[in-house]
């Protein structure tokens, strides 16, 4: 896998990891109702993030750590561990079902508790549905059957998702758009703006709007020129609705590009010149905004992996050049601790 693909996969994975951590209850209610009705939500749930490392095998080839490990209590007082497996993938993954089997076995081996397993498939292949693992050798049999959540299966339910009060409906809609607009930047811009407008008008809490906007922005990445256009549209929407969810850096980036365009347009003095000047100004603003954009991406990845980014590291980000920032983004893929991101070569 080349570095660009690794960066995209890491960004998708980090976005889903964070959204499942924050909206596990909403996810379960919408996507796993049988389990939802059995959980005692009054007792809450526990994310076993730090407990994942003992499940990894140094000798194993490939990924061997579950994406999410959540401990809950059932209504009858029974404790259960629910494992949510997420595979960011555009097609079939070899031995996926076998890896799910290994995850489950290792969790049971460590905790000796009942385990509920689900795989979330966000790829674009409607025929790939690895929900069964079977193996037999001289009369010895192993079998694991587990439910899968195929995001593509929601493509005919967009209307009901749009009318849902569950915030996880927006997550599914965004992932559907990501699948449907792959390689179609203009179509993605239109859909991303409509999703954002829907989010602004849905009456959610401000912290939910921020979290969901961050997910949408990471899942529906746009080329720089269209990204600036999207932020301009969102800025106009915020002025119309008299709200503000764009970050300060996003606003600065937008204003810088637009200001350069206005100045050059005024110098040319004609309507055509104004249009050309704004376009050129936007391009210049984009170039200068790349470093700010890279910092924003890196902060999001760091928060998704390590939850908090101390001020000393934020200062490092602000003082780093673009090449260093890009190296740190790739370091996030392999770093186990936050400080390793800034030390790895």
Protein backbone atom coordinates (compact mmCIF):
# COMPACT_ATOMS: atom_id res chain seq x y z
CA UNK A 1 0.00 0.00 0.00
CA UNK A 2 1.49 3.40 -0.98
CA UNK A 3 1.86 6.25 1.50
CA UNK A 4 -1.16 8.18 0.19
CA UNK A 5 -3.44 5.17 0.58
CA UNK A 6 -2.04 4.48 4.03
CA UNK A 7 -2.80 8.08 5.00
CA UNK A 8 -6.39 7.84 3.72
CA UNK A 9 -6.99 4.47 5.43
CA UNK A 10 -5.52 5.78 8.68
CA UNK A 11 -7.76 8.85 8.52
CA UNK A 12 -10.87 6.72 7.86
CA UNK A 13 -9.96 4.29 10.63
CA UNK A 14 -9.25 7.07 13.12
CA UNK A 15 -12.54 8.78 12.27
CA UNK A 16 -14.55 5.58 12.80
CA UNK A 17 -12.68 4.68 15.97
CA UNK A 18 -13.50 8.05 17.52
CA UNK A 19 -17.13 8.09 16.38
CA UNK A 20 -17.78 4.58 17.76
CA UNK A 21 -16.23 5.60 21.07
CA UNK A 22 -18.42 8.69 21.35
CA UNK A 23 -21.66 7.28 19.91
CA UNK A 24 -21.56 3.61 20.88
CA UNK A 25 -25.00 3.76 22.48
CA UNK A 26 -26.55 5.49 19.46
CA UNK A 27 -24.82 3.03 17.14
CA UNK A 28 -26.17 0.06 19.08
CA UNK A 29 -29.70 1.46 19.17
CA UNK A 30 -29.77 2.04 15.42
CA UNK A 31 -27.68 -0.85 14.13
CA UNK A 32 -27.80 -3.60 16.77
CA UNK A 33 -31.25 -3.28 18.42
CA UNK A 34 -31.28 -6.84 19.82
CA UNK A 35 -28.17 -6.09 21.87
CA UNK A 36 -29.36 -2.57 22.71
CA UNK A 37 -32.50 -3.90 24.42
CA UNK A 38 -30.44 -6.30 26.56
CA UNK A 39 -27.92 -3.75 27.89
CA UNK A 40 -28.41 -1.95 31.20
CA UNK A 41 -27.57 1.54 29.98
CA UNK A 42 -28.02 2.99 33.46
CA UNK A 43 -24.70 1.36 34.34
CA UNK A 44 -23.01 2.86 31.33
CA UNK A 45 -20.24 1.11 29.41
CA UNK A 46 -16.46 0.96 29.48
CA UNK A 47 -14.12 1.35 26.53
CA UNK A 48 -11.21 -1.03 27.04
CA UNK A 49 -8.82 0.95 24.85
CA UNK A 50 -5.68 0.19 26.86
CA UNK A 51 -6.57 -3.46 27.16
CA UNK A 52 -6.20 -4.03 23.42
CA UNK A 53 -2.40 -4.37 23.39
CA UNK A 54 -2.28 -7.77 25.20
CA UNK A 55 -4.41 -9.14 22.36
CA UNK A 56 -1.73 -8.42 19.80
CA UNK A 57 0.68 -11.13 18.75
CA UNK A 58 4.18 -10.09 17.75
CA UNK A 59 4.52 -13.18 15.58
CA UNK A 60 1.17 -12.77 13.83
CA UNK A 61 1.10 -11.46 10.31
CA UNK A 62 -1.26 -8.58 9.72
CA UNK A 63 -3.68 -6.83 11.99
CA UNK A 64 -4.52 -8.77 15.14
CA UNK A 65 -6.13 -6.15 17.40
CA UNK A 66 -9.90 -5.54 17.57
CA UNK A 67 -10.89 -2.01 16.63
CA UNK A 68 -13.21 -1.64 19.57
CA UNK A 69 -13.55 -3.55 22.83
CA UNK A 70 -16.46 -2.43 25.02
CA UNK A 71 -17.55 -3.82 28.37
CA UNK A 72 -21.24 -3.57 29.25
CA UNK A 73 -23.71 -5.05 31.75
CA UNK A 74 -26.91 -6.77 30.71
CA UNK A 75 -30.35 -6.16 32.19
CA UNK A 76 -30.15 -9.48 34.04
CA UNK A 77 -26.94 -8.39 35.77
CA UNK A 78 -24.65 -10.43 33.52
CA UNK A 79 -21.43 -8.80 32.36
CA UNK A 80 -20.58 -9.18 28.69
CA UNK A 81 -17.87 -7.89 26.43
CA UNK A 82 -19.06 -6.57 23.09
CA UNK A 83 -16.40 -6.38 20.39
CA UNK A 84 -16.93 -4.10 17.43
CA UNK A 85 -14.65 -4.93 14.48
CA UNK A 86 -14.09 -2.31 11.85
CA UNK A 87 -12.25 -2.95 8.59
CA UNK A 88 -11.62 0.11 6.41
CA UNK A 89 -11.54 -1.49 2.99
CA UNK A 90 -12.58 -0.83 -0.61
CA UNK A 91 -12.94 -4.51 -1.47
CA UNK A 92 -12.40 -8.03 -0.21
CA UNK A 93 -9.83 -8.63 2.53
CA UNK A 94 -8.15 -12.02 2.62
CA UNK A 95 -8.77 -14.10 5.75
CA UNK A 96 -11.03 -11.48 7.32
CA UNK A 97 -13.32 -14.06 8.95
CA UNK A 98 -10.30 -15.94 10.28
CA UNK A 99 -8.98 -12.75 11.86
CA UNK A 100 -12.36 -12.11 13.50
CA UNK A 101 -12.22 -15.66 14.88
CA UNK A 102 -8.76 -14.97 16.31
CA UNK A 103 -9.90 -11.68 17.89
CA UNK A 104 -12.80 -13.39 19.57
CA UNK A 105 -10.78 -16.32 20.86
CA UNK A 106 -8.10 -14.09 22.36
CA UNK A 107 -10.67 -11.90 24.10
CA UNK A 108 -12.35 -14.96 25.60
CA UNK A 109 -8.99 -16.40 26.61
CA UNK A 110 -8.14 -13.23 28.55
CA UNK A 111 -11.53 -12.30 30.04
CA UNK A 112 -13.40 -15.64 30.24
CA UNK A 113 -16.67 -13.81 29.57
CA UNK A 114 -19.35 -13.99 26.90
CA UNK A 115 -18.45 -12.08 23.76
CA UNK A 116 -20.74 -10.45 21.19
CA UNK A 117 -19.02 -9.78 17.87
CA UNK A 118 -20.11 -7.64 14.93
CA UNK A 119 -18.18 -6.60 11.83
CA UNK A 120 -18.89 -3.21 10.28
CA UNK A 121 -18.18 -3.29 6.55
CA UNK A 122 -17.84 0.14 4.94
CA UNK A 123 -16.45 -1.01 1.58
CA UNK A 124 -18.13 -0.58 -1.79
CA UNK A 125 -18.48 -4.26 -2.76
CA UNK A 126 -22.11 -5.38 -2.20
CA UNK A 127 -21.16 -9.06 -2.57
CA UNK A 128 -18.44 -9.18 0.08
CA UNK A 129 -20.10 -10.46 3.28
CA UNK A 130 -17.62 -12.44 5.40
CA UNK A 131 -19.86 -13.40 8.32
CA UNK A 132 -18.77 -17.01 8.78
CA UNK A 133 -15.56 -18.81 9.68
CA UNK A 134 -15.34 -22.62 9.40
CA UNK A 135 -12.46 -25.03 9.62
CA UNK A 136 -12.31 -28.81 9.87
CA UNK A 137 -9.46 -31.27 10.25
CA UNK A 138 -9.90 -35.02 10.85
CA UNK A 139 -13.20 -34.64 12.67
CA UNK A 140 -12.22 -31.51 14.59
CA UNK A 141 -14.43 -28.56 13.63
CA UNK A 142 -14.34 -24.85 14.35
CA UNK A 143 -17.16 -22.51 13.40
CA UNK A 144 -17.91 -18.86 14.13
CA UNK A 145 -20.93 -17.08 12.71
CA UNK A 146 -21.34 -13.40 13.53
CA UNK A 147 -23.57 -10.52 12.33
CA UNK A 148 -22.23 -7.98 9.87
CA UNK A 149 -23.32 -4.40 9.30
CA UNK A 150 -22.99 -3.58 5.61
CA UNK A 151 -23.24 0.18 5.10
CA UNK A 152 -24.26 -0.34 1.48
CA UNK A 153 -27.44 -2.05 2.71
CA UNK A 154 -28.69 1.36 3.87
CA UNK A 155 -28.65 2.88 0.38
CA UNK A 156 -32.42 2.42 -0.01
CA UNK A 157 -33.11 3.80 3.46
CA UNK A 158 -31.72 7.31 3.03
CA UNK A 159 -35.07 8.97 3.57
CA UNK A 160 -35.64 7.25 6.91
CA UNK A 161 -32.04 8.02 7.94
CA UNK A 162 -32.53 11.70 7.13
CA UNK A 163 -35.65 11.82 9.30
CA UNK A 164 -34.03 9.91 12.18
CA UNK A 165 -33.29 11.62 15.49
CA UNK A 166 -30.37 9.24 16.09
CA UNK A 167 -27.07 11.06 15.39
CA UNK A 168 -25.53 7.85 14.06
CA UNK A 169 -27.85 8.13 11.06
CA UNK A 170 -25.63 10.98 9.85
CA UNK A 171 -22.58 8.71 10.13
CA UNK A 172 -24.17 6.14 7.85
CA UNK A 173 -25.30 8.80 5.38
CA UNK A 174 -21.79 10.25 5.25
CA UNK A 175 -20.22 6.85 4.62
CA UNK A 176 -22.75 6.14 1.86
CA UNK A 177 -21.79 9.43 0.22
CA UNK A 178 -18.10 8.50 0.55
CA UNK A 179 -18.76 5.25 -1.30
CA UNK A 180 -21.01 6.75 -3.97
CA UNK A 181 -18.80 9.76 -4.75
CA UNK A 182 -15.43 8.00 -4.77
CA UNK A 183 -13.46 9.62 -7.59
CA UNK A 184 -16.24 12.20 -8.17
CA UNK A 185 -15.01 15.36 -6.45
CA UNK A 186 -17.73 17.73 -7.71
CA UNK A 187 -20.51 15.34 -6.71
CA UNK A 188 -18.86 14.87 -3.31
CA UNK A 189 -18.78 18.66 -2.79
CA UNK A 190 -22.53 18.92 -3.43
CA UNK A 191 -23.39 15.98 -1.19
CA UNK A 192 -21.03 17.11 1.58
CA UNK A 193 -22.64 20.54 1.68
CA UNK A 194 -26.15 19.06 1.79
CA UNK A 195 -25.11 16.77 4.66
CA UNK A 196 -23.62 19.72 6.51
CA UNK A 197 -26.77 21.78 6.02
CA UNK A 198 -28.89 18.85 7.26
CA UNK A 199 -26.66 18.62 10.32
CA UNK A 200 -26.96 22.35 11.06
CA UNK A 201 -30.76 22.22 10.82
CA UNK A 202 -31.24 19.01 12.80
CA UNK A 203 -31.36 20.59 16.25
CA UNK A 204 -28.42 18.68 17.75
CA UNK A 205 -26.29 19.86 20.65
CA UNK A 206 -23.30 22.01 19.71
CA UNK A 207 -20.80 19.36 20.84
CA UNK A 208 -22.55 16.78 18.65
CA UNK A 209 -22.46 19.12 15.67
CA UNK A 210 -18.71 19.59 16.17
CA UNK A 211 -18.08 15.83 16.46
CA UNK A 212 -20.21 14.92 13.45
CA UNK A 213 -18.78 17.76 11.36
CA UNK A 214 -15.28 16.48 12.09
CA UNK A 215 -16.30 12.99 10.96
CA UNK A 216 -17.93 14.30 7.77
CA UNK A 217 -14.86 16.40 6.99
CA UNK A 218 -12.50 13.44 7.36
CA UNK A 219 -14.65 10.89 5.54
CA UNK A 220 -15.57 13.23 2.68
CA UNK A 221 -12.16 14.77 1.96
CA UNK A 222 -12.06 17.17 -0.99
CA UNK A 223 -9.28 18.54 -3.21
CA UNK A 224 -7.92 21.83 -1.89
CA UNK A 225 -9.79 24.07 -4.34
CA UNK A 226 -13.13 22.38 -3.66
CA UNK A 227 -12.37 22.25 0.05
CA UNK A 228 -12.08 26.03 0.06
CA UNK A 229 -15.31 26.31 -1.92
CA UNK A 230 -17.05 24.05 0.61
CA UNK A 231 -15.86 26.19 3.51
CA UNK A 232 -17.07 29.30 1.72
CA UNK A 233 -20.51 27.71 1.34
CA UNK A 234 -20.55 26.69 4.99
CA UNK A 235 -19.48 30.19 6.04
CA UNK A 236 -22.40 31.66 4.11
CA UNK A 237 -24.73 29.08 5.66
CA UNK A 238 -23.52 29.99 9.15
CA UNK A 239 -24.13 33.68 8.47
CA UNK A 240 -27.63 32.86 7.25
CA UNK A 241 -28.43 30.72 10.30
CA UNK A 242 -26.47 32.97 12.69
CA UNK A 243 -24.43 30.07 14.09
CA UNK A 244 -20.72 29.31 14.08
CA UNK A 245 -19.16 25.86 13.91
CA UNK A 246 -16.19 26.48 11.61
CA UNK A 247 -12.86 26.55 13.42
CA UNK A 248 -10.75 29.72 13.60
CA UNK A 249 -8.07 28.22 11.33
CA UNK A 250 -10.69 27.30 8.72
CA UNK A 251 -12.07 30.84 8.78
CA UNK A 252 -8.58 32.35 8.53
CA UNK A 253 -7.77 30.08 5.60
CA UNK A 254 -10.99 31.05 3.84
CA UNK A 255 -10.61 34.76 4.52
CA UNK A 256 -7.00 34.82 3.35
CA UNK A 257 -7.86 33.23 0.02
CA UNK A 258 -10.90 35.40 -0.57
CA UNK A 259 -9.10 38.62 0.44
CA UNK A 260 -6.31 38.00 -2.05
CA UNK A 261 -8.92 37.40 -4.72
CA UNK A 262 -10.80 40.61 -3.95
CA UNK A 263 -7.63 42.72 -4.01
CA UNK A 264 -6.49 41.38 -7.35
CA UNK A 265 -9.98 41.72 -8.78
CA UNK A 266 -10.19 45.38 -7.76
CA UNK A 267 -6.85 46.08 -9.42
CA UNK A 268 -8.07 44.69 -12.73
CA UNK A 269 -11.18 46.85 -12.46
CA UNK A 270 -13.55 44.77 -14.59
CA UNK A 271 -16.16 42.19 -13.71
CA UNK A 272 -14.27 39.49 -15.58
CA UNK A 273 -11.09 40.58 -13.91
CA UNK A 274 -12.75 40.39 -10.50
CA UNK A 275 -13.83 36.80 -11.15
CA UNK A 276 -10.36 35.85 -12.36
CA UNK A 277 -8.73 37.65 -9.46
CA UNK A 278 -10.86 35.87 -6.89
CA UNK A 279 -10.04 32.52 -8.49
CA UNK A 280 -6.32 33.27 -8.45
CA UNK A 281 -6.60 34.56 -4.91
CA UNK A 282 -8.31 31.38 -3.85
CA UNK A 283 -5.48 29.35 -5.40
CA UNK A 284 -2.88 31.41 -3.56
CA UNK A 285 -4.85 31.09 -0.35
CA UNK A 286 -5.00 27.34 -0.83
CA UNK A 287 -1.23 27.13 -1.26
CA UNK A 288 -0.61 29.10 1.90
CA UNK A 289 -3.34 27.19 3.69
CA UNK A 290 -1.82 23.76 3.02
CA UNK A 291 0.32 23.95 6.13
CA UNK A 292 -2.66 24.97 8.27
CA UNK A 293 -4.69 22.14 6.75
CA UNK A 294 -1.94 19.61 7.46
CA UNK A 295 -1.80 20.77 11.09
CA UNK A 296 -5.57 20.33 11.40
CA UNK A 297 -5.44 16.82 9.95
CA UNK A 298 -2.60 15.85 12.27
CA UNK A 299 -4.39 17.22 15.35
CA UNK A 300 -7.50 15.22 14.44
CA UNK A 301 -5.48 12.02 13.99
CA UNK A 302 -3.62 12.55 17.26
CA UNK A 303 -6.84 13.16 19.17
CA UNK A 304 -8.42 10.08 17.61
CA UNK A 305 -5.45 7.90 18.63
CA UNK A 306 -4.46 9.47 21.97
CA UNK A 307 -7.54 11.59 22.87
CA UNK A 308 -5.55 14.56 24.23
CA UNK A 309 -2.78 16.66 22.64
CA UNK A 310 -0.82 18.63 25.29
CA UNK A 311 0.12 22.23 24.56
CA UNK A 312 3.82 21.39 24.13
CA UNK A 313 2.97 19.27 21.09
CA UNK A 314 0.61 21.89 19.67
CA UNK A 315 3.52 24.34 19.76
CA UNK A 316 5.67 21.82 17.86
CA UNK A 317 2.96 21.57 15.19
CA UNK A 318 2.73 25.33 14.76
CA UNK A 319 6.51 25.67 14.33
CA UNK A 320 7.01 22.73 11.94
CA UNK A 321 7.40 23.01 8.17
CA UNK A 322 5.12 21.18 5.75
CA UNK A 323 7.54 18.30 5.09
CA UNK A 324 7.91 17.61 8.81
CA UNK A 325 4.14 17.70 9.31
CA UNK A 326 3.64 15.19 6.52
CA UNK A 327 6.23 12.87 8.13
CA UNK A 328 4.46 13.11 11.48
CA UNK A 329 1.13 12.22 9.87
CA UNK A 330 2.66 8.96 8.64
CA UNK A 331 4.26 8.35 12.05
CA UNK A 332 0.80 8.28 13.63
CA UNK A 333 0.21 4.96 11.82
CA UNK A 334 2.85 3.11 13.84
CA UNK A 335 3.33 5.11 17.03
CA UNK A 336 2.18 3.44 20.25
CA UNK A 337 2.69 6.52 22.41
CA UNK A 338 2.11 10.19 21.62
CA UNK A 339 5.74 11.24 21.97
CA UNK A 340 6.81 8.56 19.47
CA UNK A 341 5.02 10.47 16.70
CA UNK A 342 7.55 13.28 17.03
CA UNK A 343 10.62 11.09 17.56
CA UNK A 344 10.23 8.42 14.85
CA UNK A 345 12.32 8.89 11.72
